[in-house]
């Protein structure tokens, strides 16, 4: 029989090479786990950011609407009610202290308050002066709006002319003249708008001076305290009502002590 060929045997892995192979496989497993973990973190984080971006922004509480209403005020010299307009006309007196004026109380409010009223001159009507062409007057009245501590907020001026009864705004009921009206009546009109700071709770309307021009003599000027120099009507307030206060919590009653 022919001799067998002597083939070289395949090299067998050594113990060291086997250990290195297992270590390499373990390293690959760690790298794979870390990669998967990082991928999951990125995916989850992106989903969270996307959800936050799609989330609707928080809604703000709606602002309280402006409210306009007739003012409540104390008139120290009430002229009276208009026969035609049914307005209440109040004389504005001159003075040196806000307490002498027309005190207008402000309701609870947030922010500034807008005070609005019509300012008139006051005229003493006479049929005799009209018949003799001596009734012409030009009135210039100045008044002020003051805080309770006598700080001037604003001044207002009205200038108007009177020639005939058509220049009167209205006649005032309650007098001895024909028709049961008073001789004094409002003439001319000037709409006045005054902004009152938010920290004020009331405002005073006080007369400052009056100038009267006529055809038959020099002008008359009046500044003496307590004299009526103008008239106001249609007094209104515009403001944002203050939030309603929550009622105070009722005090807790002490627990009853059990009878022994």
Foldseek 3Di string as FASTA:
>chain_A
DDDDDDDDDDDDDDPVVVVVVVVVVVVVVVVVVVVVVVVVVVVVVVVVVVVVVPDDDDDDDDAFDKDKDFWDKDAPAWPAAFPPPRWTKGFAFADDALVLFIKTFDAAFDWKKKKKWKKFFKAQDDPVCLVVQFRKKKKKWKKFKAANRGDTQDMDIDIDIDRDPVQFPGFGACDDPPVRTGRMGTGDIDMDMTIGGNPGGIMGIHTAKMWMDTDPDHIDIDGDGGDGGIMITPIMMMGRHDDDDDDDDDDDDDDDDDDD
